[in-house]
Amino acid sequence: MEKRRVHVWISGRVQGVFFRAYTRDAGRSIGVTGWVRNLPDGRVEAVFEGDEEKLKKMIAWCHRGSPLSRVELVDTRDETCTGEFETFTIAY
């Protein structure tokens, strides 16, 4: 199955609510690779690589977020898959 890459920006109450840790755990559970990090403007940014179904699940997860988060907007952009990641991590 062909792999894809999606760059994601999540807005709302997504910092200080363990969003990155839950995203990492969800990414590993779903089976995507990539990273997640906080941005200075209060958003969370992530890159996911995987097959179509796994990416759909991961993006759907981003719309729900961690238990204490309140997601207001999820922006996505398709990019060229590079296959550079071995796992899913939190970037700093």
PDB file of N, CA and C in Angstrom:
ATOM      1  N   MET A   1       0.833  -1.179   0.000  1.00  0.00           N
ATOM      2  CA  MET A   1       0.000   0.000   0.000  1.00  0.00           C
ATOM      3  C   MET A   1       0.879   1.245   0.000  1.00  0.00           C
ATOM      4  N   GLU A   2       0.505   2.222  -0.778  1.00  0.00           N
ATOM      5  CA  GLU A   2       1.279   3.447  -0.903  1.00  0.00           C
ATOM      6  C   GLU A   2       1.183   4.296   0.363  1.00  0.00           C
ATOM      7  N   LYS A   3       2.317   4.827   0.772  1.00  0.00           N
ATOM      8  CA  LYS A   3       2.352   5.676   1.962  1.00  0.00           C
ATOM      9  C   LYS A   3       2.199   7.138   1.560  1.00  0.00           C
ATOM     10  N   ARG A   4       1.619   7.902   2.504  1.00  0.00           N
ATOM     11  CA  ARG A   4       1.415   9.338   2.322  1.00  0.00           C
ATOM     12  C   ARG A   4       2.026  10.077   3.505  1.00  0.00           C
ATOM     13  N   ARG A   5       2.127  11.386   3.345  1.00  0.00           N
ATOM     14  CA  ARG A   5       2.607  12.260   4.422  1.00  0.00           C
ATOM     15  C   ARG A   5       1.633  13.417   4.552  1.00  0.00           C
ATOM     16  N   VAL A   6       1.265  13.713   5.796  1.00  0.00           N
ATOM     17  CA  VAL A   6       0.370  14.835   6.071  1.00  0.00           C
ATOM     18  C   VAL A   6       0.992  15.703   7.154  1.00  0.00           C
ATOM     19  N   HIS A   7       1.025  17.001   6.891  1.00  0.00           N
ATOM     20  CA  HIS A   7       1.503  17.999   7.849  1.00  0.00           C
ATOM     21  C   HIS A   7       0.243  18.601   8.475  1.00  0.00           C
ATOM     22  N   VAL A   8       0.217  18.690   9.814  1.00  0.00           N
ATOM     23  CA  VAL A   8      -1.006  19.064  10.524  1.00  0.00           C
ATOM     24  C   VAL A   8      -0.709  20.166  11.540  1.00  0.00           C
ATOM     25  N   TRP A   9      -1.650  21.119  11.630  1.00  0.00           N
ATOM     26  CA  TRP A   9      -1.592  22.162  12.647  1.00  0.00           C
ATOM     27  C   TRP A   9      -2.909  22.133  13.403  1.00  0.00           C
ATOM     28  N   ILE A  10      -2.840  22.018  14.732  1.00  0.00           N
ATOM     29  CA  ILE A  10      -4.035  21.913  15.558  1.00  0.00           C
ATOM     30  C   ILE A  10      -4.131  23.150  16.441  1.00  0.00           C
ATOM     31  N   SER A  11      -5.292  23.801  16.404  1.00  0.00           N
ATOM     32  CA  SER A  11      -5.528  25.012  17.196  1.00  0.00           C
ATOM     33  C   SER A  11      -6.588  24.753  18.257  1.00  0.00           C
ATOM     34  N   GLY A  12      -6.544  25.553  19.308  1.00  0.00           N
ATOM     35  CA  GLY A  12      -7.502  25.462  20.406  1.00  0.00           C
ATOM     36  C   GLY A  12      -6.754  25.357  21.711  1.00  0.00           C
ATOM     37  N   ARG A  13      -7.362  24.723  22.673  1.00  0.00           N
ATOM     38  CA  ARG A  13      -6.690  24.473  23.955  1.00  0.00           C
ATOM     39  C   ARG A  13      -5.927  23.162  23.808  1.00  0.00           C
ATOM     40  N   VAL A  14      -4.707  23.269  23.268  1.00  0.00           N
ATOM     41  CA  VAL A  14      -3.932  22.080  22.933  1.00  0.00           C
ATOM     42  C   VAL A  14      -2.533  22.069  23.557  1.00  0.00           C
ATOM     43  N   GLN A  15      -2.223  23.080  24.336  1.00  0.00           N
ATOM     44  CA  GLN A  15      -0.961  23.076  25.064  1.00  0.00           C
ATOM     45  C   GLN A  15      -1.258  23.078  26.552  1.00  0.00           C
ATOM     46  N   GLY A  16      -0.437  22.365  27.317  1.00  0.00           N
ATOM     47  CA  GLY A  16      -0.644  22.253  28.752  1.00  0.00           C
ATOM     48  C   GLY A  16      -1.714  21.233  29.117  1.00  0.00           C
ATOM     49  N   VAL A  17      -2.107  20.400  28.149  1.00  0.00           N
ATOM     50  CA  VAL A  17      -3.150  19.385  28.376  1.00  0.00           C
ATOM     51  C   VAL A  17      -2.674  18.003  27.912  1.00  0.00           C
ATOM     52  N   PHE A  18      -1.360  17.823  27.868  1.00  0.00           N
ATOM     53  CA  PHE A  18      -0.738  16.546  27.488  1.00  0.00           C
ATOM     54  C   PHE A  18      -1.063  16.122  26.054  1.00  0.00           C
ATOM     55  N   PHE A  19      -1.355  17.105  25.195  1.00  0.00           N
ATOM     56  CA  PHE A  19      -1.727  16.802  23.812  1.00  0.00           C
ATOM     57  C   PHE A  19      -0.598  16.070  23.084  1.00  0.00           C
ATOM     58  N   ARG A  20       0.639  16.522  23.262  1.00  0.00           N
ATOM     59  CA  ARG A  20       1.754  15.879  22.559  1.00  0.00           C
ATOM     60  C   ARG A  20       1.941  14.428  23.001  1.00  0.00           C
ATOM     61  N   ALA A  21       1.862  14.167  24.294  1.00  0.00           N
ATOM     62  CA  ALA A  21       2.045  12.799  24.787  1.00  0.00           C
ATOM     63  C   ALA A  21       0.933  11.885  24.277  1.00  0.00           C
ATOM     64  N   TYR A  22      -0.303  12.371  24.315  1.00  0.00           N
ATOM     65  CA  TYR A  22      -1.410  11.569  23.804  1.00  0.00           C
ATOM     66  C   TYR A  22      -1.285  11.362  22.293  1.00  0.00           C
ATOM     67  N   THR A  23      -0.810  12.378  21.574  1.00  0.00           N
ATOM     68  CA  THR A  23      -0.610  12.251  20.125  1.00  0.00           C
ATOM     69  C   THR A  23       0.462  11.208  19.833  1.00  0.00           C
ATOM     70  N   ARG A  24       1.552  11.259  20.584  1.00  0.00           N
ATOM     71  CA  ARG A  24       2.609  10.256  20.415  1.00  0.00           C
ATOM     72  C   ARG A  24       2.062   8.850  20.639  1.00  0.00           C
ATOM     73  N   ASP A  25       1.323   8.690  21.716  1.00  0.00           N
ATOM     74  CA  ASP A  25       0.768   7.371  22.027  1.00  0.00           C
ATOM     75  C   ASP A  25      -0.223   6.917  20.957  1.00  0.00           C
ATOM     76  N   ALA A  26      -1.060   7.833  20.484  1.00  0.00           N
ATOM     77  CA  ALA A  26      -2.021   7.495  19.427  1.00  0.00           C
ATOM     78  C   ALA A  26      -1.298   7.142  18.138  1.00  0.00           C
ATOM     79  N   GLY A  27      -0.277   7.916  17.787  1.00  0.00           N
ATOM     80  CA  GLY A  27       0.487   7.643  16.571  1.00  0.00           C
ATOM     81  C   GLY A  27       1.134   6.274  16.597  1.00  0.00           C
ATOM     82  N   ARG A  28       1.707   5.925  17.727  1.00  0.00           N
ATOM     83  CA  ARG A  28       2.341   4.610  17.849  1.00  0.00           C
ATOM     84  C   ARG A  28       1.296   3.499  17.823  1.00  0.00           C
ATOM     85  N   SER A  29       0.157   3.720  18.473  1.00  0.00           N
ATOM     86  CA  SER A  29      -0.904   2.712  18.504  1.00  0.00           C
ATOM     87  C   SER A  29      -1.517   2.502  17.119  1.00  0.00           C
ATOM     88  N   ILE A  30      -1.746   3.593  16.408  1.00  0.00           N
ATOM     89  CA  ILE A  30      -2.348   3.521  15.072  1.00  0.00           C
ATOM     90  C   ILE A  30      -1.342   2.989  14.046  1.00  0.00           C
ATOM     91  N   GLY A  31      -0.061   3.292  14.270  1.00  0.00           N
ATOM     92  CA  GLY A  31       0.974   2.774  13.380  1.00  0.00           C
ATOM     93  C   GLY A  31       1.498   3.756  12.359  1.00  0.00           C
ATOM     94  N   VAL A  32       1.399   5.072  12.675  1.00  0.00           N
ATOM     95  CA  VAL A  32       2.012   6.069  11.805  1.00  0.00           C
ATOM     96  C   VAL A  32       3.376   6.438  12.372  1.00  0.00           C
ATOM     97  N   THR A  33       4.205   7.049  11.544  1.00  0.00           N
ATOM     98  CA  THR A  33       5.489   7.570  11.995  1.00  0.00           C
ATOM     99  C   THR A  33       5.473   9.080  11.833  1.00  0.00           C
ATOM    100  N   GLY A  34       6.436   9.756  12.483  1.00  0.00           N
ATOM    101  CA  GLY A  34       6.532  11.208  12.375  1.00  0.00           C
ATOM    102  C   GLY A  34       6.849  11.842  13.709  1.00  0.00           C
ATOM    103  N   TRP A  35       6.316  13.051  13.910  1.00  0.00           N
ATOM    104  CA  TRP A  35       6.600  13.795  15.138  1.00  0.00           C
ATOM    105  C   TRP A  35       5.471  14.762  15.454  1.00  0.00           C
ATOM    106  N   VAL A  36       5.480  15.273  16.694  1.00  0.00           N
ATOM    107  CA  VAL A  36       4.536  16.295  17.150  1.00  0.00           C
ATOM    108  C   VAL A  36       5.298  17.272  18.027  1.00  0.00           C
ATOM    109  N   ARG A  37       4.929  18.553  17.957  1.00  0.00           N
ATOM    110  CA  ARG A  37       5.582  19.556  18.801  1.00  0.00           C
ATOM    111  C   ARG A  37       4.648  20.736  19.060  1.00  0.00           C
ATOM    112  N   ASN A  38       4.949  21.487  20.138  1.00  0.00           N
ATOM    113  CA  ASN A  38       4.249  22.724  20.429  1.00  0.00           C
ATOM    114  C   ASN A  38       4.842  23.841  19.592  1.00  0.00           C
ATOM    115  N   LEU A  39       4.009  24.805  19.216  1.00  0.00           N
ATOM    116  CA  LEU A  39       4.467  26.004  18.526  1.00  0.00           C
ATOM    117  C   LEU A  39       4.344  27.200  19.467  1.00  0.00           C
ATOM    118  N   PRO A  40       5.191  28.228  19.277  1.00  0.00           N
ATOM    119  CA  PRO A  40       5.138  29.401  20.155  1.00  0.00           C
ATOM    120  C   PRO A  40       3.786  30.119  20.141  1.00  0.00           C
ATOM    121  N   ASP A  41       3.017  29.977  19.076  1.00  0.00           N
ATOM    122  CA  ASP A  41       1.730  30.681  18.974  1.00  0.00           C
ATOM    123  C   ASP A  41       0.576  29.935  19.649  1.00  0.00           C
ATOM    124  N   GLY A  42       0.874  28.805  20.336  1.00  0.00           N
ATOM    125  CA  GLY A  42      -0.150  28.080  21.063  1.00  0.00           C
ATOM    126  C   GLY A  42      -0.731  26.891  20.321  1.00  0.00           C
ATOM    127  N   ARG A  43      -0.393  26.741  19.054  1.00  0.00           N
ATOM    128  CA  ARG A  43      -0.862  25.583  18.290  1.00  0.00           C
ATOM    129  C   ARG A  43       0.079  24.403  18.504  1.00  0.00           C
ATOM    130  N   VAL A  44      -0.363  23.235  18.033  1.00  0.00           N
ATOM    131  CA  VAL A  44       0.469  22.044  17.984  1.00  0.00           C
ATOM    132  C   VAL A  44       0.654  21.699  16.514  1.00  0.00           C
ATOM    133  N   GLU A  45       1.871  21.323  16.150  1.00  0.00           N
ATOM    134  CA  GLU A  45       2.212  20.946  14.778  1.00  0.00           C
ATOM    135  C   GLU A  45       2.642  19.485  14.774  1.00  0.00           C
ATOM    136  N   ALA A  46       2.266  18.766  13.719  1.00  0.00           N
ATOM    137  CA  ALA A  46       2.661  17.361  13.621  1.00  0.00           C
ATOM    138  C   ALA A  46       2.854  16.971  12.161  1.00  0.00           C
ATOM    139  N   VAL A  47       3.671  15.957  11.957  1.00  0.00           N
ATOM    140  CA  VAL A  47       3.845  15.334  10.644  1.00  0.00           C
ATOM    141  C   VAL A  47       3.578  13.853  10.825  1.00  0.00           C
ATOM    142  N   PHE A  48       2.687  13.318   9.986  1.00  0.00           N
ATOM    143  CA  PHE A  48       2.345  11.897  10.024  1.00  0.00           C
ATOM    144  C   PHE A  48       2.681  11.264   8.690  1.00  0.00           C
ATOM    145  N   GLU A  49       3.275  10.080   8.720  1.00  0.00           N
ATOM    146  CA  GLU A  49       3.474   9.274   7.521  1.00  0.00           C
ATOM    147  C   GLU A  49       2.892   7.894   7.745  1.00  0.00           C
ATOM    148  N   GLY A  50       2.212   7.389   6.732  1.00  0.00           N
ATOM    149  CA  GLY A  50       1.623   6.066   6.824  1.00  0.00           C
ATOM    150  C   GLY A  50       0.677   5.834   5.664  1.00  0.00           C
ATOM    151  N   ASP A  51      -0.031   4.714   5.695  1.00  0.00           N
ATOM    152  CA  ASP A  51      -0.979   4.451   4.615  1.00  0.00           C
ATOM    153  C   ASP A  51      -2.256   5.265   4.843  1.00  0.00           C
ATOM    154  N   GLU A  52      -3.088   5.314   3.838  1.00  0.00           N
ATOM    155  CA  GLU A  52      -4.286   6.153   3.832  1.00  0.00           C
ATOM    156  C   GLU A  52      -5.184   5.928   5.049  1.00  0.00           C
ATOM    157  N   GLU A  53      -5.487   4.685   5.362  1.00  0.00           N
ATOM    158  CA  GLU A  53      -6.397   4.392   6.471  1.00  0.00           C
ATOM    159  C   GLU A  53      -5.823   4.837   7.815  1.00  0.00           C
ATOM    160  N   LYS A  54      -4.535   4.615   8.013  1.00  0.00           N
ATOM    161  CA  LYS A  54      -3.900   5.031   9.272  1.00  0.00           C
ATOM    162  C   LYS A  54      -3.878   6.548   9.399  1.00  0.00           C
ATOM    163  N   LEU A  55      -3.624   7.237   8.291  1.00  0.00           N
ATOM    164  CA  LEU A  55      -3.626   8.704   8.340  1.00  0.00           C
ATOM    165  C   LEU A  55      -5.019   9.234   8.630  1.00  0.00           C
ATOM    166  N   LYS A  56      -6.041   8.629   8.053  1.00  0.00           N
ATOM    167  CA  LYS A  56      -7.416   9.049   8.345  1.00  0.00           C
ATOM    168  C   LYS A  56      -7.720   8.892   9.829  1.00  0.00           C
ATOM    169  N   LYS A  57      -7.300   7.780  10.414  1.00  0.00           N
ATOM    170  CA  LYS A  57      -7.520   7.548  11.843  1.00  0.00           C
ATOM    171  C   LYS A  57      -6.769   8.583  12.679  1.00  0.00           C
ATOM    172  N   MET A  58      -5.540   8.896  12.284  1.00  0.00           N
ATOM    173  CA  MET A  58      -4.739   9.843  13.056  1.00  0.00           C
ATOM    174  C   MET A  58      -5.324  11.252  12.970  1.00  0.00           C
ATOM    175  N   ILE A  59      -5.759  11.655  11.798  1.00  0.00           N
ATOM    176  CA  ILE A  59      -6.364  12.988  11.648  1.00  0.00           C
ATOM    177  C   ILE A  59      -7.674  13.057  12.429  1.00  0.00           C
ATOM    178  N   ALA A  60      -8.461  11.992  12.390  1.00  0.00           N
ATOM    179  CA  ALA A  60      -9.705  11.950  13.181  1.00  0.00           C
ATOM    180  C   ALA A  60      -9.378  12.075  14.665  1.00  0.00           C
ATOM    181  N   TRP A  61      -8.293  11.411  15.107  1.00  0.00           N
ATOM    182  CA  TRP A  61      -7.889  11.528  16.500  1.00  0.00           C
ATOM    183  C   TRP A  61      -7.561  12.978  16.834  1.00  0.00           C
ATOM    184  N   CYS A  62      -6.870  13.673  15.931  1.00  0.00           N
ATOM    185  CA  CYS A  62      -6.493  15.075  16.165  1.00  0.00           C
ATOM    186  C   CYS A  62      -7.723  15.957  16.374  1.00  0.00           C
ATOM    187  N   HIS A  63      -8.811  15.652  15.699  1.00  0.00           N
ATOM    188  CA  HIS A  63     -10.046  16.428  15.873  1.00  0.00           C
ATOM    189  C   HIS A  63     -10.636  16.222  17.270  1.00  0.00           C
ATOM    190  N   ARG A  64     -10.418  15.061  17.873  1.00  0.00           N
ATOM    191  CA  ARG A  64     -10.893  14.783  19.237  1.00  0.00           C
ATOM    192  C   ARG A  64      -9.891  15.290  20.269  1.00  0.00           C
ATOM    193  N   GLY A  65      -8.613  14.961  20.086  1.00  0.00           N
ATOM    194  CA  GLY A  65      -7.556  15.400  20.979  1.00  0.00           C
ATOM    195  C   GLY A  65      -7.483  14.644  22.280  1.00  0.00           C
ATOM    196  N   SER A  66      -6.657  15.141  23.178  1.00  0.00           N
ATOM    197  CA  SER A  66      -6.474  14.529  24.490  1.00  0.00           C
ATOM    198  C   SER A  66      -7.694  14.846  25.369  1.00  0.00           C
ATOM    199  N   PRO A  67      -7.853  14.107  26.471  1.00  0.00           N
ATOM    200  CA  PRO A  67      -9.045  14.297  27.308  1.00  0.00           C
ATOM    201  C   PRO A  67      -9.276  15.729  27.791  1.00  0.00           C
ATOM    202  N   LEU A  68      -8.214  16.469  28.086  1.00  0.00           N
ATOM    203  CA  LEU A  68      -8.383  17.829  28.602  1.00  0.00           C
ATOM    204  C   LEU A  68      -8.312  18.907  27.523  1.00  0.00           C
ATOM    205  N   SER A  69      -8.054  18.517  26.287  1.00  0.00           N
ATOM    206  CA  SER A  69      -7.930  19.513  25.217  1.00  0.00           C
ATOM    207  C   SER A  69      -9.300  19.938  24.695  1.00  0.00           C
ATOM    208  N   ARG A  70      -9.293  21.036  23.951  1.00  0.00           N
ATOM    209  CA  ARG A  70     -10.480  21.510  23.242  1.00  0.00           C
ATOM    210  C   ARG A  70     -10.007  21.943  21.850  1.00  0.00           C
ATOM    211  N   VAL A  71     -10.139  21.052  20.904  1.00  0.00           N
ATOM    212  CA  VAL A  71      -9.667  21.309  19.544  1.00  0.00           C
ATOM    213  C   VAL A  71     -10.669  22.199  18.829  1.00  0.00           C
ATOM    214  N   GLU A  72     -10.173  23.287  18.249  1.00  0.00           N
ATOM    215  CA  GLU A  72     -11.030  24.209  17.510  1.00  0.00           C
ATOM    216  C   GLU A  72     -10.847  24.081  16.007  1.00  0.00           C
ATOM    217  N   LEU A  73      -9.628  23.763  15.568  1.00  0.00           N
ATOM    218  CA  LEU A  73      -9.347  23.718  14.134  1.00  0.00           C
ATOM    219  C   LEU A  73      -8.188  22.765  13.874  1.00  0.00           C
ATOM    220  N   VAL A  74      -8.312  21.971  12.822  1.00  0.00           N
ATOM    221  CA  VAL A  74      -7.228  21.096  12.370  1.00  0.00           C
ATOM    222  C   VAL A  74      -6.981  21.415  10.905  1.00  0.00           C
ATOM    223  N   ASP A  75      -5.829  22.015  10.618  1.00  0.00           N
ATOM    224  CA  ASP A  75      -5.415  22.311   9.241  1.00  0.00           C
ATOM    225  C   ASP A  75      -4.479  21.212   8.780  1.00  0.00           C
ATOM    226  N   THR A  76      -4.668  20.732   7.564  1.00  0.00           N
ATOM    227  CA  THR A  76      -3.803  19.682   7.031  1.00  0.00           C
ATOM    228  C   THR A  76      -3.263  20.084   5.671  1.00  0.00           C
ATOM    229  N   ARG A  77      -2.092  19.578   5.359  1.00  0.00           N
ATOM    230  CA  ARG A  77      -1.484  19.786   4.040  1.00  0.00           C
ATOM    231  C   ARG A  77      -0.772  18.495   3.645  1.00  0.00           C
ATOM    232  N   ASP A  78      -1.104  17.977   2.482  1.00  0.00           N
ATOM    233  CA  ASP A  78      -0.400  16.800   1.959  1.00  0.00           C
ATOM    234  C   ASP A  78       0.991  17.195   1.502  1.00  0.00           C
ATOM    235  N   GLU A  79       1.950  16.349   1.789  1.00  0.00           N
ATOM    236  CA  GLU A  79       3.331  16.556   1.375  1.00  0.00           C
ATOM    237  C   GLU A  79       3.864  15.252   0.790  1.00  0.00           C
ATOM    238  N   THR A  80       5.042  15.318   0.215  1.00  0.00           N
ATOM    239  CA  THR A  80       5.677  14.124  -0.340  1.00  0.00           C
ATOM    240  C   THR A  80       6.202  13.254   0.799  1.00  0.00           C
ATOM    241  N   CYS A  81       5.846  11.987   0.789  1.00  0.00           N
ATOM    242  CA  CYS A  81       6.309  11.045   1.807  1.00  0.00           C
ATOM    243  C   CYS A  81       7.802  10.791   1.601  1.00  0.00           C
ATOM    244  N   THR A  82       8.565  10.904   2.694  1.00  0.00           N
ATOM    245  CA  THR A  82      10.017  10.710   2.606  1.00  0.00           C
ATOM    246  C   THR A  82      10.470   9.389   3.220  1.00  0.00           C
ATOM    247  N   GLY A  83       9.662   8.818   4.103  1.00  0.00           N
ATOM    248  CA  GLY A  83      10.060   7.583   4.770  1.00  0.00           C
ATOM    249  C   GLY A  83      11.207   7.759   5.741  1.00  0.00           C
ATOM    250  N   GLU A  84      11.426   8.987   6.193  1.00  0.00           N
ATOM    251  CA  GLU A  84      12.584   9.290   7.038  1.00  0.00           C
ATOM    252  C   GLU A  84      12.415   8.900   8.507  1.00  0.00           C
ATOM    253  N   PHE A  85      11.199   8.582   8.935  1.00  0.00           N
ATOM    254  CA  PHE A  85      10.943   8.327  10.351  1.00  0.00           C
ATOM    255  C   PHE A  85      10.873   6.824  10.635  1.00  0.00           C
ATOM    256  N   GLU A  86      11.373   6.433  11.806  1.00  0.00           N
ATOM    257  CA  GLU A  86      11.307   5.034  12.223  1.00  0.00           C
ATOM    258  C   GLU A  86      10.171   4.805  13.201  1.00  0.00           C
ATOM    259  N   THR A  87       9.777   5.855  13.921  1.00  0.00           N
ATOM    260  CA  THR A  87       8.725   5.742  14.921  1.00  0.00           C
ATOM    261  C   THR A  87       8.002   7.078  14.993  1.00  0.00           C
ATOM    262  N   PHE A  88       7.171   7.264  16.020  1.00  0.00           N
ATOM    263  CA  PHE A  88       6.500   8.547  16.227  1.00  0.00           C
ATOM    264  C   PHE A  88       7.018   9.142  17.520  1.00  0.00           C
ATOM    265  N   THR A  89       7.496  10.390  17.474  1.00  0.00           N
ATOM    266  CA  THR A  89       8.160  11.001  18.618  1.00  0.00           C
ATOM    267  C   THR A  89       7.620  12.398  18.893  1.00  0.00           C
ATOM    268  N   ILE A  90       7.965  12.900  20.081  1.00  0.00           N
ATOM    269  CA  ILE A  90       7.723  14.292  20.431  1.00  0.00           C
ATOM    270  C   ILE A  90       8.988  15.063  20.066  1.00  0.00           C
ATOM    271  N   ALA A  91       8.826  16.105  19.285  1.00  0.00           N
ATOM    272  CA  ALA A  91       9.961  16.964  18.895  1.00  0.00           C
ATOM    273  C   ALA A  91       9.970  18.191  19.785  1.00  0.00           C
ATOM    274  N   TYR A  92      11.178  18.703  20.055  1.00  0.00           N
ATOM    275  CA  TYR A  92      11.325  19.890  20.895  1.00  0.00           C
ATOM    276  C   TYR A  92      12.060  20.973  20.156  1.00  0.00           C
TER     277      TYR A  92
END
